Structures are given as C-alpha cells and as structure tokens.
Amino acid sequence: MDIVSHGLWGSGIFGRRSRRDFFMAFLFGVAPDLLSFGFFLLGVWFGFFDHPDWRSGQHPDASQIPLFVYTLYDYTHSLVIFLGVFLLIWLIRGKPFFPLVAWGFHILLDIPTHASFFPTPFLWPLSDFVVYGIPWNNPFIFVSNVILLIVLYGSFFIRKRGREEKEKKHV
C-alpha cells in the first residue's frame, strides 16, 4: 500500500476522537515506511546513496538498497514488535493508546498487498514467513483502495454534517 493511504486509513479509523488523535494516527500509519525508507530516500536526495534505477518501470535491484533499510523494514513491519511496543505503552500509560494501532493496521494492510519487492515480515523475529500477495500498485488493488478511502471519509463527513444539522435544529 502507498504511504499516503496508510496514513489516511490509520487516521480515518483510529484517529477519530480528536484532531490530535487524527494526526497521531496518521503519523503512526506512515511511520513504518517512513522509518524504513525515509532515511534512505533522504540519503539519495543529499547524495549519500546512489539513486536506484527506477527507469525500467520495475523495482530496482535489491543490491541498490542499503542493508539498513531491510533491517529497519523488519522491525517496523513486524506485528510481534508492534504488539510488544503497544503493550509496553499500555503498561506505562495505564490505558491503551489507540492512535498507535494505525501502525499495526499498516502491517495488516501490507501483508496481502506486497509481492516479491519487500514482502512484509509480519512474524519477524519469530519467523521469516512472508506472504507474496498482490502488489498495491495493481490497478484492482489501487482503485479498490481509493474507492474504500472515499467511502470511509465520505461517511465520516456525512455523519458529521448530519450531527451539525441536528444540533442546529435543537438550538
């Protein structure tokens, strides 16, 4: 799944209690990709790493991506790691922090929508098992994702508008 969609799914589902929760859920929704690929892309931007060859329209050769990206990807895309962090924060706070669940949801969305290029190591470090799913840029997956996001946010705004109109009638 693309990074913006991850943020929109996370905030649309787990960030509806307040604006703060909305933005926190958006950040946690994009964090796994941002933390694993973001440093690499900044390094490419500033010339620390060679620019991968994207011209062919295919994914770049795996050797063009530094090893640290794979390591960070394992950590940020593991349900085991997510669950450990979620439970630790729950223990520290004394209550769950629901915007953080956007991180776990990111991983769940990636499991069926990643193929051979960066399949999701959701059981890491317990297992190297991955699912070779349908790539998120497949037209069926991509269009379905956009339509479902429109439905999610459309229903949110329709309900909000209905509540506002109901409040106006009672004033």
Protein backbone atom coordinates (compact mmCIF):
# COMPACT_ATOMS: atom_id res chain seq x y z
CA MET A 1 0.00 0.00 0.00
CA ASP A 2 1.23 3.51 -0.68
CA ILE A 3 2.36 5.61 2.26
CA VAL A 4 -0.38 8.27 1.99
CA SER A 5 -3.09 5.60 2.01
CA HIS A 6 -1.56 4.10 5.15
CA GLY A 7 -1.81 7.46 6.86
CA LEU A 8 -5.39 8.01 5.70
CA TRP A 9 -6.50 4.55 6.82
CA GLY A 10 -4.83 4.95 10.18
CA SER A 11 -6.27 8.38 10.89
CA GLY A 12 -9.69 7.55 9.47
CA ILE A 13 -10.12 4.51 11.69
CA PHE A 14 -8.01 5.13 14.79
CA GLY A 15 -7.86 8.90 14.99
CA ARG A 16 -11.46 9.99 15.15
CA ARG A 17 -11.65 11.04 18.81
CA SER A 18 -9.83 14.35 18.37
CA ARG A 19 -7.64 16.31 15.97
CA ARG A 20 -4.59 15.31 17.97
CA ASP A 21 -5.50 11.62 17.69
CA PHE A 22 -6.19 12.08 13.96
CA PHE A 23 -2.69 13.44 13.31
CA MET A 24 -1.04 10.94 15.66
CA ALA A 25 -2.81 8.05 13.91
CA PHE A 26 -1.77 9.46 10.52
CA LEU A 27 1.85 9.60 11.70
CA PHE A 28 1.76 6.08 13.12
CA GLY A 29 0.13 4.91 9.88
CA VAL A 30 3.01 6.21 7.76
CA ALA A 31 5.78 5.57 10.31
CA PRO A 32 6.74 2.01 9.26
CA ASP A 33 7.52 3.12 5.70
CA LEU A 34 8.91 6.49 6.72
CA LEU A 35 11.28 4.94 9.25
CA SER A 36 12.48 2.19 6.93
CA PHE A 37 12.69 4.03 3.60
CA GLY A 38 12.77 7.67 4.70
CA PHE A 39 16.42 7.72 5.79
CA PHE A 40 17.43 6.05 2.55
CA LEU A 41 15.46 8.49 0.40
CA LEU A 42 16.93 11.45 2.31
CA GLY A 43 20.36 9.93 1.73
CA VAL A 44 19.64 9.65 -2.00
CA TRP A 45 18.36 13.25 -2.03
CA PHE A 46 21.53 14.55 -0.35
CA GLY A 47 23.83 12.35 -2.43
CA PHE A 48 24.93 9.90 0.27
CA PHE A 49 23.50 6.94 -1.65
CA ASP A 50 23.25 6.20 -5.36
CA HIS A 51 19.85 6.74 -6.90
CA PRO A 52 18.18 3.36 -7.57
CA ASP A 53 17.28 2.63 -11.19
CA TRP A 54 13.51 3.18 -11.43
CA ARG A 55 13.56 3.89 -15.19
CA SER A 56 12.56 0.39 -16.22
CA GLY A 57 9.19 0.79 -14.50
CA GLN A 58 10.13 -2.15 -12.31
CA HIS A 59 11.52 -2.25 -8.81
CA PRO A 60 15.24 -1.55 -8.53
CA ASP A 61 17.68 -4.38 -8.00
CA ALA A 62 17.81 -5.35 -4.32
CA SER A 63 21.56 -4.66 -4.26
CA GLN A 64 20.84 -0.94 -4.87
CA ILE A 65 19.12 -0.65 -1.48
CA PRO A 66 21.36 -0.49 1.61
CA LEU A 67 21.19 -3.31 4.15
CA PHE A 68 19.99 -0.96 6.93
CA VAL A 69 16.73 -0.39 5.01
CA TYR A 70 15.97 -4.14 5.16
CA THR A 71 16.80 -4.24 8.87
CA LEU A 72 14.59 -1.24 9.68
CA TYR A 73 11.85 -2.74 7.49
CA ASP A 74 11.94 -5.96 9.52
CA TYR A 75 11.50 -4.02 12.77
CA THR A 76 8.83 -1.60 11.53
CA HIS A 77 6.77 -4.22 9.68
CA SER A 78 6.62 -6.87 12.41
CA LEU A 79 3.37 -7.49 14.27
CA VAL A 80 5.48 -9.04 17.04
CA ILE A 81 7.45 -5.80 17.52
CA PHE A 82 4.28 -3.70 17.18
CA LEU A 83 2.46 -5.77 19.80
CA GLY A 84 5.41 -5.51 22.20
CA VAL A 85 5.56 -1.71 21.83
CA PHE A 86 1.77 -1.37 22.09
CA LEU A 87 1.65 -3.44 25.30
CA LEU A 88 4.63 -1.58 26.79
CA ILE A 89 2.99 1.79 26.16
CA TRP A 90 -0.27 0.46 27.58
CA LEU A 91 1.58 -0.68 30.69
CA ILE A 92 3.34 2.69 31.07
CA ARG A 93 0.21 4.80 30.45
CA GLY A 94 -2.20 2.51 32.26
CA LYS A 95 -4.50 2.56 29.21
CA PRO A 96 -4.13 1.78 25.50
CA PHE A 97 -3.05 4.49 23.08
CA PHE A 98 -5.39 3.79 20.16
CA PRO A 99 -3.72 6.01 17.51
CA LEU A 100 -0.74 3.63 17.78
CA VAL A 101 -2.93 0.84 16.38
CA ALA A 102 -2.56 2.56 12.99
CA TRP A 103 0.96 1.08 12.95
CA GLY A 104 -0.41 -2.44 13.38
CA PHE A 105 -3.07 -1.77 10.76
CA HIS A 106 -0.33 -0.61 8.35
CA ILE A 107 1.29 -4.03 8.72
CA LEU A 108 -2.02 -5.85 8.21
CA LEU A 109 -2.66 -3.88 5.01
CA ASP A 110 0.84 -4.63 3.72
CA ILE A 111 0.63 -8.41 4.20
CA PRO A 112 -1.70 -9.06 1.22
CA THR A 113 -0.56 -6.04 -0.85
CA HIS A 114 3.16 -6.69 -1.12
CA ALA A 115 4.59 -9.14 -3.59
CA SER A 116 8.26 -10.04 -4.14
CA PHE A 117 9.58 -6.50 -3.56
CA PHE A 118 9.69 -6.03 0.22
CA PRO A 119 7.22 -8.69 1.32
CA THR A 120 6.01 -8.00 4.86
CA PRO A 121 7.94 -9.89 7.60
CA PHE A 122 4.95 -9.70 9.95
CA LEU A 123 6.14 -12.52 12.25
CA TRP A 124 9.73 -11.35 12.50
CA PRO A 125 11.84 -12.11 14.63
CA LEU A 126 9.93 -15.32 15.40
CA SER A 127 9.70 -16.39 11.75
CA ASP A 128 10.80 -15.28 8.31
CA PHE A 129 7.44 -16.32 6.83
CA VAL A 130 6.01 -13.80 4.37
CA VAL A 131 3.01 -13.72 2.05
CA TYR A 132 3.63 -12.93 -1.59
CA GLY A 133 0.44 -11.02 -2.25
CA ILE A 134 -0.88 -8.80 -4.99
CA PRO A 135 1.22 -5.63 -5.38
CA TRP A 136 -0.55 -2.48 -4.14
CA ASN A 137 0.05 -0.78 -7.50
CA ASN A 138 -2.05 -3.43 -9.25
CA PRO A 139 -5.00 -1.48 -10.73
CA PHE A 140 -7.59 -3.62 -8.92
CA ILE A 141 -5.94 -3.10 -5.52
CA PHE A 142 -5.12 0.56 -6.12
CA VAL A 143 -8.59 1.54 -7.38
CA SER A 144 -10.31 -0.50 -4.64
CA ASN A 145 -8.17 1.25 -2.04
CA VAL A 146 -9.08 4.70 -3.36
CA ILE A 147 -12.80 3.86 -3.52
CA LEU A 148 -12.80 2.46 0.03
CA LEU A 149 -10.96 5.54 1.35
CA ILE A 150 -13.55 7.77 -0.34
CA VAL A 151 -16.33 5.72 1.30
CA LEU A 152 -14.61 5.90 4.72
CA TYR A 153 -14.07 9.65 4.64
CA GLY A 154 -17.36 10.34 2.85
CA SER A 155 -19.30 8.52 5.56
CA PHE A 156 -17.34 10.37 8.21
CA PHE A 157 -18.19 13.77 6.73
CA ILE A 158 -21.82 12.84 6.05
CA ARG A 159 -22.30 11.75 9.68
CA LYS A 160 -20.56 14.88 10.94
CA ARG A 161 -22.77 17.07 8.76
CA GLY A 162 -25.90 15.25 10.00
CA ARG A 163 -24.89 15.82 13.63
CA GLU A 164 -24.28 19.52 12.94
CA GLU A 165 -27.68 19.91 11.27
CA LYS A 166 -29.36 18.08 14.16
CA GLU A 167 -27.65 20.43 16.65
CA LYS A 168 -28.86 23.47 14.67
CA LYS A 169 -32.46 22.23 14.89
CA HIS A 170 -32.21 21.85 18.66
CA VAL A 171 -30.85 25.36 19.23
